[in-house]
């Protein structure tokens, strides 16, 4: 999906959820349901998170400038990180509220809770479906021979938000039905507890990935990349090899390579082009190579760091 499609989808989801938040607050106050008010608060946090995702897409499309030489390439991961924190915090809040309501159940108007939560479930389910159509990008072809599928971390985090909302709405609906039929209020707390733990578990990997990405950490096999560079007959050694992924689509790197012989610039360019072609097949989209003479093989250089 292109960026315009993602932007349009997020705008639709934001509008739907603003309407939902207003409806749940009114219904929660009128029915006396803490579950609905908690869900409304959770949805309000998600609206803010979705807005951040929308901002990330808008800024991510901006070109590089003199002051932002990389552009806003990390906007996606920044939004994913903030969104993930929002979701984890909100789920912890739901956990605490579920435990409190387990020991101190509240009197609620079950029919209002059931109807409102079913409407919320329908809206959140539809929002989740809309986002699921945009969180995976297909046909990203590096070597015209292999198809790659990339998950957009920003859209995925928004998708998880809506999935969490749908799960909570479902738990509230089921709890409302059981309260209405049997008067067993604690069921709502138990379901909220289970779904909250599940969403936290699903969100944590995205939180971890986005956090380490913002630190430019490497999650790939660096030895494999080093061996690939050394497979070139003209390369004697490699040092200062760095790998990082600024977002879910790009894979960057840089390295210093020591050449075995003194060569013409045109010959060096051919070597570098061959290395980059090999790296491109591994999915590396941008790689900077600094060729060096034999005197650097001892790695006695001020820029070399063990």
C-alpha atoms as a PDB file:
ATOM      1  CA  UNK A   1       0.000   0.000   0.000  1.00  0.00           C
ATOM      2  CA  UNK A   2       1.224   3.517  -0.753  1.00  0.00           C
ATOM      3  CA  UNK A   3       1.559   6.314   1.792  1.00  0.00           C
ATOM      4  CA  UNK A   4      -1.645   8.054   0.651  1.00  0.00           C
ATOM      5  CA  UNK A   5      -3.608   4.864   1.290  1.00  0.00           C
ATOM      6  CA  UNK A   6      -2.112   4.560   4.779  1.00  0.00           C
ATOM      7  CA  UNK A   7      -2.881   8.198   5.522  1.00  0.00           C
ATOM      8  CA  UNK A   8      -6.487   7.879   4.342  1.00  0.00           C
ATOM      9  CA  UNK A   9      -6.953   4.704   6.401  1.00  0.00           C
ATOM     10  CA  UNK A  10      -5.616   6.343   9.568  1.00  0.00           C
ATOM     11  CA  UNK A  11      -7.849   9.380   9.065  1.00  0.00           C
ATOM     12  CA  UNK A  12     -10.918   7.125   8.808  1.00  0.00           C
ATOM     13  CA  UNK A  13      -9.925   5.161  11.905  1.00  0.00           C
ATOM     14  CA  UNK A  14      -9.270   8.351  13.909  1.00  0.00           C
ATOM     15  CA  UNK A  15     -12.699   9.805  13.065  1.00  0.00           C
ATOM     16  CA  UNK A  16     -14.456   6.537  13.915  1.00  0.00           C
ATOM     17  CA  UNK A  17     -12.700   6.297  17.265  1.00  0.00           C
ATOM     18  CA  UNK A  18     -13.358   9.915  18.244  1.00  0.00           C
ATOM     19  CA  UNK A  19     -17.074   9.207  17.793  1.00  0.00           C
ATOM     20  CA  UNK A  20     -16.648   5.997  19.801  1.00  0.00           C
ATOM     21  CA  UNK A  21     -14.878   7.741  22.699  1.00  0.00           C
ATOM     22  CA  UNK A  22     -17.688  10.306  23.036  1.00  0.00           C
ATOM     23  CA  UNK A  23     -20.346   7.552  22.941  1.00  0.00           C
ATOM     24  CA  UNK A  24     -18.561   5.405  25.528  1.00  0.00           C
ATOM     25  CA  UNK A  25     -18.028   8.300  27.946  1.00  0.00           C
ATOM     26  CA  UNK A  26     -21.732   9.214  27.795  1.00  0.00           C
ATOM     27  CA  UNK A  27     -22.826   5.570  28.147  1.00  0.00           C
ATOM     28  CA  UNK A  28     -20.298   4.883  30.896  1.00  0.00           C
ATOM     29  CA  UNK A  29     -21.449   7.842  33.021  1.00  0.00           C
ATOM     30  CA  UNK A  30     -25.129   7.084  32.432  1.00  0.00           C
ATOM     31  CA  UNK A  31     -24.810   3.353  33.219  1.00  0.00           C
ATOM     32  CA  UNK A  32     -22.284   3.692  36.021  1.00  0.00           C
ATOM     33  CA  UNK A  33     -19.973   1.243  34.244  1.00  0.00           C
ATOM     34  CA  UNK A  34     -16.297   1.567  35.119  1.00  0.00           C
ATOM     35  CA  UNK A  35     -15.561  -0.910  32.316  1.00  0.00           C
ATOM     36  CA  UNK A  36     -16.975   1.422  29.689  1.00  0.00           C
ATOM     37  CA  UNK A  37     -15.211   4.450  31.151  1.00  0.00           C
ATOM     38  CA  UNK A  38     -11.919   2.530  31.248  1.00  0.00           C
ATOM     39  CA  UNK A  39     -12.429   1.435  27.665  1.00  0.00           C
ATOM     40  CA  UNK A  40     -13.242   5.026  26.669  1.00  0.00           C
ATOM     41  CA  UNK A  41     -10.036   6.216  28.335  1.00  0.00           C
ATOM     42  CA  UNK A  42      -8.125   3.501  26.522  1.00  0.00           C
ATOM     43  CA  UNK A  43      -9.673   4.523  23.204  1.00  0.00           C
ATOM     44  CA  UNK A  44      -8.812   8.165  23.857  1.00  0.00           C
ATOM     45  CA  UNK A  45      -5.158   7.189  24.311  1.00  0.00           C
ATOM     46  CA  UNK A  46      -5.349   5.255  21.067  1.00  0.00           C
ATOM     47  CA  UNK A  47      -6.780   8.252  19.210  1.00  0.00           C
ATOM     48  CA  UNK A  48      -3.732  10.245  20.302  1.00  0.00           C
ATOM     49  CA  UNK A  49      -1.460   7.376  19.265  1.00  0.00           C
ATOM     50  CA  UNK A  50      -3.157   7.104  15.877  1.00  0.00           C
ATOM     51  CA  UNK A  51      -2.694  10.838  15.393  1.00  0.00           C
ATOM     52  CA  UNK A  52       1.020  10.357  16.086  1.00  0.00           C
ATOM     53  CA  UNK A  53       1.070   7.596  13.461  1.00  0.00           C
ATOM     54  CA  UNK A  54      -0.560   9.944  10.972  1.00  0.00           C
ATOM     55  CA  UNK A  55       2.010  12.639  11.722  1.00  0.00           C
ATOM     56  CA  UNK A  56       4.779  10.076  11.246  1.00  0.00           C
ATOM     57  CA  UNK A  57       3.499   9.193   7.769  1.00  0.00           C
ATOM     58  CA  UNK A  58       3.226  12.852   6.764  1.00  0.00           C
ATOM     59  CA  UNK A  59       6.739  13.661   8.007  1.00  0.00           C
ATOM     60  CA  UNK A  60       8.130  10.355   6.706  1.00  0.00           C
ATOM     61  CA  UNK A  61       7.195  11.431   3.185  1.00  0.00           C
ATOM     62  CA  UNK A  62       9.141  14.693   3.458  1.00  0.00           C
ATOM     63  CA  UNK A  63      12.422  14.945   1.555  1.00  0.00           C
ATOM     64  CA  UNK A  64      15.839  15.547   3.085  1.00  0.00           C
ATOM     65  CA  UNK A  65      16.887  19.131   3.741  1.00  0.00           C
ATOM     66  CA  UNK A  66      20.080  20.911   4.706  1.00  0.00           C
ATOM     67  CA  UNK A  67      19.182  20.613   8.374  1.00  0.00           C
ATOM     68  CA  UNK A  68      17.540  17.160   8.149  1.00  0.00           C
ATOM     69  CA  UNK A  69      20.021  15.424   5.842  1.00  0.00           C
ATOM     70  CA  UNK A  70      18.429  11.993   6.399  1.00  0.00           C
ATOM     71  CA  UNK A  71      14.949  13.387   6.030  1.00  0.00           C
ATOM     72  CA  UNK A  72      12.448  11.960   8.522  1.00  0.00           C
ATOM     73  CA  UNK A  73      13.355   8.348   7.854  1.00  0.00           C
ATOM     74  CA  UNK A  74      13.048   7.394  11.523  1.00  0.00           C
ATOM     75  CA  UNK A  75       9.600   8.933  11.948  1.00  0.00           C
ATOM     76  CA  UNK A  76       7.983   5.503  11.536  1.00  0.00           C
ATOM     77  CA  UNK A  77       9.989   3.893  14.336  1.00  0.00           C
ATOM     78  CA  UNK A  78       9.592   6.920  16.594  1.00  0.00           C
ATOM     79  CA  UNK A  79       5.807   6.709  16.208  1.00  0.00           C
ATOM     80  CA  UNK A  80       5.871   2.934  16.717  1.00  0.00           C
ATOM     81  CA  UNK A  81       7.878   3.386  19.915  1.00  0.00           C
ATOM     82  CA  UNK A  82       5.568   6.061  21.337  1.00  0.00           C
ATOM     83  CA  UNK A  83       2.453   4.129  20.299  1.00  0.00           C
ATOM     84  CA  UNK A  84       3.744   0.928  21.891  1.00  0.00           C
ATOM     85  CA  UNK A  85       4.438   2.711  25.172  1.00  0.00           C
ATOM     86  CA  UNK A  86       0.927   4.196  25.086  1.00  0.00           C
ATOM     87  CA  UNK A  87      -0.572   0.753  24.543  1.00  0.00           C
ATOM     88  CA  UNK A  88       1.456  -0.954  27.285  1.00  0.00           C
ATOM     89  CA  UNK A  89       0.611   1.819  29.787  1.00  0.00           C
ATOM     90  CA  UNK A  90      -3.071   1.656  28.896  1.00  0.00           C
ATOM     91  CA  UNK A  91      -3.103  -2.132  29.214  1.00  0.00           C
ATOM     92  CA  UNK A  92      -1.456  -1.870  32.643  1.00  0.00           C
ATOM     93  CA  UNK A  93      -4.208   0.570  33.608  1.00  0.00           C
ATOM     94  CA  UNK A  94      -6.827  -1.952  32.440  1.00  0.00           C
ATOM     95  CA  UNK A  95      -5.072  -4.674  34.439  1.00  0.00           C
ATOM     96  CA  UNK A  96      -5.176  -2.573  37.615  1.00  0.00           C
ATOM     97  CA  UNK A  97      -8.823  -1.647  37.050  1.00  0.00           C
ATOM     98  CA  UNK A  98      -9.695  -5.299  36.397  1.00  0.00           C
ATOM     99  CA  UNK A  99      -8.067  -6.374  39.659  1.00  0.00           C
ATOM    100  CA  UNK A 100      -9.820  -3.591  41.592  1.00  0.00           C
ATOM    101  CA  UNK A 101     -13.196  -4.469  40.097  1.00  0.00           C
ATOM    102  CA  UNK A 102     -12.585  -8.138  40.888  1.00  0.00           C
ATOM    103  CA  UNK A 103     -12.459  -7.351  44.615  1.00  0.00           C
ATOM    104  CA  UNK A 104     -14.877  -4.430  44.545  1.00  0.00           C
ATOM    105  CA  UNK A 105     -17.481  -5.055  41.820  1.00  0.00           C
ATOM    106  CA  UNK A 106     -19.586  -2.079  40.734  1.00  0.00           C
ATOM    107  CA  UNK A 107     -23.307  -1.989  40.090  1.00  0.00           C
ATOM    108  CA  UNK A 108     -23.841  -1.379  36.384  1.00  0.00           C
ATOM    109  CA  UNK A 109     -26.691  -1.139  33.891  1.00  0.00           C
ATOM    110  CA  UNK A 110     -25.949  -4.284  31.885  1.00  0.00           C
ATOM    111  CA  UNK A 111     -28.142  -3.597  28.791  1.00  0.00           C
ATOM    112  CA  UNK A 112     -26.455  -0.239  28.146  1.00  0.00           C
ATOM    113  CA  UNK A 113     -23.037  -1.846  28.593  1.00  0.00           C
ATOM    114  CA  UNK A 114     -23.891  -4.679  26.185  1.00  0.00           C
ATOM    115  CA  UNK A 115     -25.217  -2.414  23.411  1.00  0.00           C
ATOM    116  CA  UNK A 116     -22.408   0.150  23.716  1.00  0.00           C
ATOM    117  CA  UNK A 117     -19.650  -2.470  23.865  1.00  0.00           C
ATOM    118  CA  UNK A 118     -21.044  -4.294  20.816  1.00  0.00           C
ATOM    119  CA  UNK A 119     -21.022  -1.019  18.879  1.00  0.00           C
ATOM    120  CA  UNK A 120     -17.468  -0.445  20.092  1.00  0.00           C
ATOM    121  CA  UNK A 121     -16.526  -3.977  19.049  1.00  0.00           C
ATOM    122  CA  UNK A 122     -17.923  -3.398  15.556  1.00  0.00           C
ATOM    123  CA  UNK A 123     -16.058  -0.086  15.156  1.00  0.00           C
ATOM    124  CA  UNK A 124     -12.806  -1.461  16.545  1.00  0.00           C
ATOM    125  CA  UNK A 125     -13.108  -4.619  14.493  1.00  0.00           C
ATOM    126  CA  UNK A 126     -13.657  -2.600  11.328  1.00  0.00           C
ATOM    127  CA  UNK A 127     -10.738  -0.308  12.231  1.00  0.00           C
ATOM    128  CA  UNK A 128      -8.502  -3.340  12.829  1.00  0.00           C
ATOM    129  CA  UNK A 129      -9.455  -4.767   9.453  1.00  0.00           C
ATOM    130  CA  UNK A 130      -8.739  -1.460   7.697  1.00  0.00           C
ATOM    131  CA  UNK A 131      -5.286  -1.256   9.291  1.00  0.00           C
ATOM    132  CA  UNK A 132      -4.512  -4.919   8.586  1.00  0.00           C
ATOM    133  CA  UNK A 133      -4.838  -4.154   4.873  1.00  0.00           C
ATOM    134  CA  UNK A 134      -2.062  -1.572   5.169  1.00  0.00           C
ATOM    135  CA  UNK A 135       0.440  -2.997   7.679  1.00  0.00           C
ATOM    136  CA  UNK A 136       2.180  -5.269   5.144  1.00  0.00           C
ATOM    137  CA  UNK A 137       3.805  -4.013   1.950  1.00  0.00           C
ATOM    138  CA  UNK A 138       4.202  -6.488  -0.888  1.00  0.00           C
ATOM    139  CA  UNK A 139       6.388  -6.758  -3.960  1.00  0.00           C
ATOM    140  CA  UNK A 140       9.359  -4.809  -2.652  1.00  0.00           C
ATOM    141  CA  UNK A 141      11.913  -6.213  -5.081  1.00  0.00           C
ATOM    142  CA  UNK A 142      15.651  -5.740  -4.534  1.00  0.00           C
ATOM    143  CA  UNK A 143      17.082  -8.043  -7.188  1.00  0.00           C
ATOM    144  CA  UNK A 144      14.048  -8.560  -9.449  1.00  0.00           C
ATOM    145  CA  UNK A 145      14.131 -12.227  -8.521  1.00  0.00           C
ATOM    146  CA  UNK A 146      12.826 -12.350  -4.970  1.00  0.00           C
ATOM    147  CA  UNK A 147       9.678 -10.854  -3.495  1.00  0.00           C
ATOM    148  CA  UNK A 148       9.995  -9.312  -0.058  1.00  0.00           C
ATOM    149  CA  UNK A 149       7.263  -8.518   2.415  1.00  0.00           C
ATOM    150  CA  UNK A 150       7.810  -5.705   4.924  1.00  0.00           C
ATOM    151  CA  UNK A 151       5.634  -4.852   7.895  1.00  0.00           C
ATOM    152  CA  UNK A 152       5.239  -1.149   8.430  1.00  0.00           C
ATOM    153  CA  UNK A 153       6.006  -0.842  12.155  1.00  0.00           C
ATOM    154  CA  UNK A 154       4.030   2.384  12.429  1.00  0.00           C
ATOM    155  CA  UNK A 155       0.863   0.883  10.932  1.00  0.00           C
ATOM    156  CA  UNK A 156       1.414  -2.352  12.858  1.00  0.00           C
ATOM    157  CA  UNK A 157       1.486  -0.476  16.162  1.00  0.00           C
ATOM    158  CA  UNK A 158      -1.777   1.281  15.240  1.00  0.00           C
ATOM    159  CA  UNK A 159      -3.199  -2.115  14.229  1.00  0.00           C
ATOM    160  CA  UNK A 160      -2.257  -3.545  17.638  1.00  0.00           C
ATOM    161  CA  UNK A 161      -3.945  -0.589  19.313  1.00  0.00           C
ATOM    162  CA  UNK A 162      -7.197  -1.359  17.518  1.00  0.00           C
ATOM    163  CA  UNK A 163      -6.808  -5.081  18.197  1.00  0.00           C
ATOM    164  CA  UNK A 164      -6.449  -4.254  21.872  1.00  0.00           C
ATOM    165  CA  UNK A 165      -9.549  -2.083  21.735  1.00  0.00           C
ATOM    166  CA  UNK A 166     -11.539  -4.834  20.031  1.00  0.00           C
ATOM    167  CA  UNK A 167     -10.420  -7.353  22.663  1.00  0.00           C
ATOM    168  CA  UNK A 168     -11.429  -5.076  25.533  1.00  0.00           C
ATOM    169  CA  UNK A 169     -14.753  -4.250  23.873  1.00  0.00           C
ATOM    170  CA  UNK A 170     -15.423  -7.956  23.453  1.00  0.00           C
ATOM    171  CA  UNK A 171     -14.609  -8.647  27.094  1.00  0.00           C
ATOM    172  CA  UNK A 172     -16.921  -5.842  28.197  1.00  0.00           C
ATOM    173  CA  UNK A 173     -19.734  -7.205  25.982  1.00  0.00           C
ATOM    174  CA  UNK A 174     -19.351 -10.772  27.259  1.00  0.00           C
ATOM    175  CA  UNK A 175     -19.132  -9.521  30.834  1.00  0.00           C
ATOM    176  CA  UNK A 176     -22.267  -7.451  30.303  1.00  0.00           C
ATOM    177  CA  UNK A 177     -24.198 -10.474  29.020  1.00  0.00           C
ATOM    178  CA  UNK A 178     -23.093 -12.648  31.945  1.00  0.00           C
ATOM    179  CA  UNK A 179     -23.898  -9.894  34.441  1.00  0.00           C
ATOM    180  CA  UNK A 180     -27.332  -9.465  32.857  1.00  0.00           C
ATOM    181  CA  UNK A 181     -28.111 -13.201  32.858  1.00  0.00           C
ATOM    182  CA  UNK A 182     -26.378 -14.447  35.991  1.00  0.00           C
ATOM    183  CA  UNK A 183     -25.256 -11.397  37.966  1.00  0.00           C
ATOM    184  CA  UNK A 184     -21.630 -12.637  38.002  1.00  0.00           C
ATOM    185  CA  UNK A 185     -19.780  -9.311  37.820  1.00  0.00           C
ATOM    186  CA  UNK A 186     -16.258 -10.751  38.241  1.00  0.00           C
ATOM    187  CA  UNK A 187     -16.340 -12.376  34.763  1.00  0.00           C
ATOM    188  CA  UNK A 188     -15.813  -8.987  33.142  1.00  0.00           C
ATOM    189  CA  UNK A 189     -12.672  -8.453  35.249  1.00  0.00           C
ATOM    190  CA  UNK A 190     -11.281 -11.889  34.397  1.00  0.00           C
ATOM    191  CA  UNK A 191     -11.759 -11.404  30.636  1.00  0.00           C
ATOM    192  CA  UNK A 192     -10.214  -7.921  30.753  1.00  0.00           C
ATOM    193  CA  UNK A 193      -7.242  -9.363  32.632  1.00  0.00           C
ATOM    194  CA  UNK A 194      -6.646 -12.118  30.066  1.00  0.00           C
ATOM    195  CA  UNK A 195      -6.907  -9.848  27.027  1.00  0.00           C
ATOM    196  CA  UNK A 196      -4.738  -7.137  28.581  1.00  0.00           C
ATOM    197  CA  UNK A 197      -1.939  -9.625  29.245  1.00  0.00           C
ATOM    198  CA  UNK A 198      -2.225 -10.923  25.685  1.00  0.00           C
ATOM    199  CA  UNK A 199      -1.966  -7.452  24.124  1.00  0.00           C
ATOM    200  CA  UNK A 200       1.029  -6.541  26.303  1.00  0.00           C
ATOM    201  CA  UNK A 201       2.706  -9.761  25.174  1.00  0.00           C
ATOM    202  CA  UNK A 202       2.000  -8.949  21.516  1.00  0.00           C
ATOM    203  CA  UNK A 203       3.134  -5.333  21.839  1.00  0.00           C
ATOM    204  CA  UNK A 204       6.411  -5.878  23.687  1.00  0.00           C
ATOM    205  CA  UNK A 205       8.370  -7.188  20.629  1.00  0.00           C
ATOM    206  CA  UNK A 206       7.400  -4.065  18.663  1.00  0.00           C
ATOM    207  CA  UNK A 207       8.366  -1.855  21.603  1.00  0.00           C
ATOM    208  CA  UNK A 208      11.732  -3.614  21.831  1.00  0.00           C
ATOM    209  CA  UNK A 209      12.379  -3.455  18.081  1.00  0.00           C
ATOM    210  CA  UNK A 210      11.505   0.228  17.758  1.00  0.00           C
ATOM    211  CA  UNK A 211      13.586   1.109  20.831  1.00  0.00           C
ATOM    212  CA  UNK A 212      16.712  -0.632  19.539  1.00  0.00           C
ATOM    213  CA  UNK A 213      16.147   0.774  16.054  1.00  0.00           C
ATOM    214  CA  UNK A 214      16.169   4.313  17.462  1.00  0.00           C
ATOM    215  CA  UNK A 215      19.537   3.423  19.031  1.00  0.00           C
ATOM    216  CA  UNK A 216      20.838   2.273  15.597  1.00  0.00           C
ATOM    217  CA  UNK A 217      21.509  -1.186  16.989  1.00  0.00           C
ATOM    218  CA  UNK A 218      22.070  -4.121  14.644  1.00  0.00           C
ATOM    219  CA  UNK A 219      19.644  -7.058  14.746  1.00  0.00           C
ATOM    220  CA  UNK A 220      21.178  -8.935  11.800  1.00  0.00           C
ATOM    221  CA  UNK A 221      24.090 -11.356  11.433  1.00  0.00           C
ATOM    222  CA  UNK A 222      27.065  -9.020  11.019  1.00  0.00           C
ATOM    223  CA  UNK A 223      29.454 -11.951  10.442  1.00  0.00           C
ATOM    224  CA  UNK A 224      27.429 -12.987   7.392  1.00  0.00           C
ATOM    225  CA  UNK A 225      27.779  -9.510   5.887  1.00  0.00           C
ATOM    226  CA  UNK A 226      31.504  -9.441   6.685  1.00  0.00           C
ATOM    227  CA  UNK A 227      32.025 -12.828   4.994  1.00  0.00           C
ATOM    228  CA  UNK A 228      30.097 -11.643   1.968  1.00  0.00           C
ATOM    229  CA  UNK A 229      32.411  -8.616   1.603  1.00  0.00           C
ATOM    230  CA  UNK A 230      35.508 -10.791   2.110  1.00  0.00           C
ATOM    231  CA  UNK A 231      34.317 -13.173  -0.604  1.00  0.00           C
ATOM    232  CA  UNK A 232      35.639 -10.605  -3.076  1.00  0.00           C
ATOM    233  CA  UNK A 233      39.143 -11.751  -4.113  1.00  0.00           C
ATOM    234  CA  UNK A 234      40.506  -8.210  -4.053  1.00  0.00           C
ATOM    235  CA  UNK A 235      39.508  -7.556  -0.403  1.00  0.00           C
ATOM    236  CA  UNK A 236      42.074  -8.409   2.281  1.00  0.00           C
ATOM    237  CA  UNK A 237      40.180  -7.345   5.414  1.00  0.00           C
ATOM    238  CA  UNK A 238      37.189  -5.432   6.706  1.00  0.00           C
ATOM    239  CA  UNK A 239      36.890  -3.122   9.708  1.00  0.00           C
ATOM    240  CA  UNK A 240      34.509  -0.501  11.109  1.00  0.00           C
ATOM    241  CA  UNK A 241      31.543  -2.491   9.816  1.00  0.00           C
ATOM    242  CA  UNK A 242      28.219  -0.996  10.897  1.00  0.00           C
ATOM    243  CA  UNK A 243      24.685  -2.187  10.174  1.00  0.00           C
ATOM    244  CA  UNK A 244      21.361  -0.624  11.142  1.00  0.00           C
ATOM    245  CA  UNK A 245      17.736  -0.381  10.048  1.00  0.00           C
ATOM    246  CA  UNK A 246      16.337   3.178  10.279  1.00  0.00           C
ATOM    247  CA  UNK A 247      12.810   1.907   9.588  1.00  0.00           C
ATOM    248  CA  UNK A 248      10.983  -1.277   8.600  1.00  0.00           C
ATOM    249  CA  UNK A 249      11.847  -0.920   4.891  1.00  0.00           C
ATOM    250  CA  UNK A 250      15.430   0.343   4.790  1.00  0.00           C
ATOM    251  CA  UNK A 251      18.627  -1.525   5.704  1.00  0.00           C
ATOM    252  CA  UNK A 252      21.768   0.596   5.886  1.00  0.00           C
ATOM    253  CA  UNK A 253      25.434  -0.111   6.490  1.00  0.00           C
ATOM    254  CA  UNK A 254      29.011   1.086   6.106  1.00  0.00           C
ATOM    255  CA  UNK A 255      32.482  -0.446   6.201  1.00  0.00           C
ATOM    256  CA  UNK A 256      36.174   0.164   5.580  1.00  0.00           C
ATOM    257  CA  UNK A 257      37.764  -2.429   3.298  1.00  0.00           C
ATOM    258  CA  UNK A 258      41.495  -3.007   2.803  1.00  0.00           C
ATOM    259  CA  UNK A 259      42.413  -3.914  -0.773  1.00  0.00           C
ATOM    260  CA  UNK A 260      45.260  -6.316  -1.535  1.00  0.00           C
ATOM    261  CA  UNK A 261      46.749  -4.215  -4.326  1.00  0.00           C
ATOM    262  CA  UNK A 262      47.092  -0.616  -5.406  1.00  0.00           C
ATOM    263  CA  UNK A 263      44.504  -0.205  -8.120  1.00  0.00           C
ATOM    264  CA  UNK A 264      43.183   2.420 -10.481  1.00  0.00           C
ATOM    265  CA  UNK A 265      40.096   4.297  -9.320  1.00  0.00           C
ATOM    266  CA  UNK A 266      38.095   2.719 -12.137  1.00  0.00           C
ATOM    267  CA  UNK A 267      39.125  -0.744 -10.917  1.00  0.00           C
ATOM    268  CA  UNK A 268      38.188   0.104  -7.329  1.00  0.00           C
ATOM    269  CA  UNK A 269      34.773   1.298  -8.473  1.00  0.00           C
ATOM    270  CA  UNK A 270      34.111  -2.063 -10.138  1.00  0.00           C
ATOM    271  CA  UNK A 271      35.018  -3.882  -6.895  1.00  0.00           C
ATOM    272  CA  UNK A 272      32.704  -1.642  -4.860  1.00  0.00           C
ATOM    273  CA  UNK A 273      29.862  -2.075  -7.347  1.00  0.00           C
ATOM    274  CA  UNK A 274      30.200  -5.863  -7.152  1.00  0.00           C
ATOM    275  CA  UNK A 275      30.163  -5.801  -3.358  1.00  0.00           C
ATOM    276  CA  UNK A 276      27.114  -3.533  -3.263  1.00  0.00           C
ATOM    277  CA  UNK A 277      25.326  -5.834  -5.722  1.00  0.00           C
ATOM    278  CA  UNK A 278      25.919  -8.790  -3.385  1.00  0.00           C
ATOM    279  CA  UNK A 279      24.740  -6.787  -0.381  1.00  0.00           C
ATOM    280  CA  UNK A 280      21.663  -5.637  -2.267  1.00  0.00           C
ATOM    281  CA  UNK A 281      20.653  -9.259  -2.736  1.00  0.00           C
ATOM    282  CA  UNK A 282      20.749  -9.608   1.061  1.00  0.00           C
ATOM    283  CA  UNK A 283      18.285  -6.718   1.317  1.00  0.00           C
ATOM    284  CA  UNK A 284      20.762  -3.966   2.226  1.00  0.00           C
ATOM    285  CA  UNK A 285      19.391  -0.867   0.502  1.00  0.00           C
ATOM    286  CA  UNK A 286      22.228   1.593   1.168  1.00  0.00           C
ATOM    287  CA  UNK A 287      25.852   0.742   1.953  1.00  0.00           C
ATOM    288  CA  UNK A 288      28.840   3.095   2.174  1.00  0.00           C
ATOM    289  CA  UNK A 289      32.262   1.557   1.501  1.00  0.00           C
ATOM    290  CA  UNK A 290      35.605   3.228   2.167  1.00  0.00           C
ATOM    291  CA  UNK A 291      38.446   1.478   0.260  1.00  0.00           C
ATOM    292  CA  UNK A 292      41.880   1.593   1.894  1.00  0.00           C
ATOM    293  CA  UNK A 293      45.465   0.526   1.131  1.00  0.00           C
ATOM    294  CA  UNK A 294      47.523  -2.150   2.879  1.00  0.00           C
ATOM    295  CA  UNK A 295      48.823   0.243   5.542  1.00  0.00           C
ATOM    296  CA  UNK A 296      45.392   0.140   7.175  1.00  0.00           C
ATOM    297  CA  UNK A 297      45.398  -3.638   7.518  1.00  0.00           C
ATOM    298  CA  UNK A 298      46.930  -3.352  10.988  1.00  0.00           C
ATOM    299  CA  UNK A 299      43.859  -1.296  11.917  1.00  0.00           C
ATOM    300  CA  UNK A 300      46.100   1.274  13.577  1.00  0.00           C
ATOM    301  CA  UNK A 301      43.869   4.157  12.749  1.00  0.00           C
ATOM    302  CA  UNK A 302      42.223   6.774  14.937  1.00  0.00           C
ATOM    303  CA  UNK A 303      38.737   5.940  13.667  1.00  0.00           C
ATOM    304  CA  UNK A 304      38.980   2.236  14.378  1.00  0.00           C
ATOM    305  CA  UNK A 305      37.080   1.113  17.427  1.00  0.00           C
ATOM    306  CA  UNK A 306      37.128  -2.455  18.798  1.00  0.00           C
END
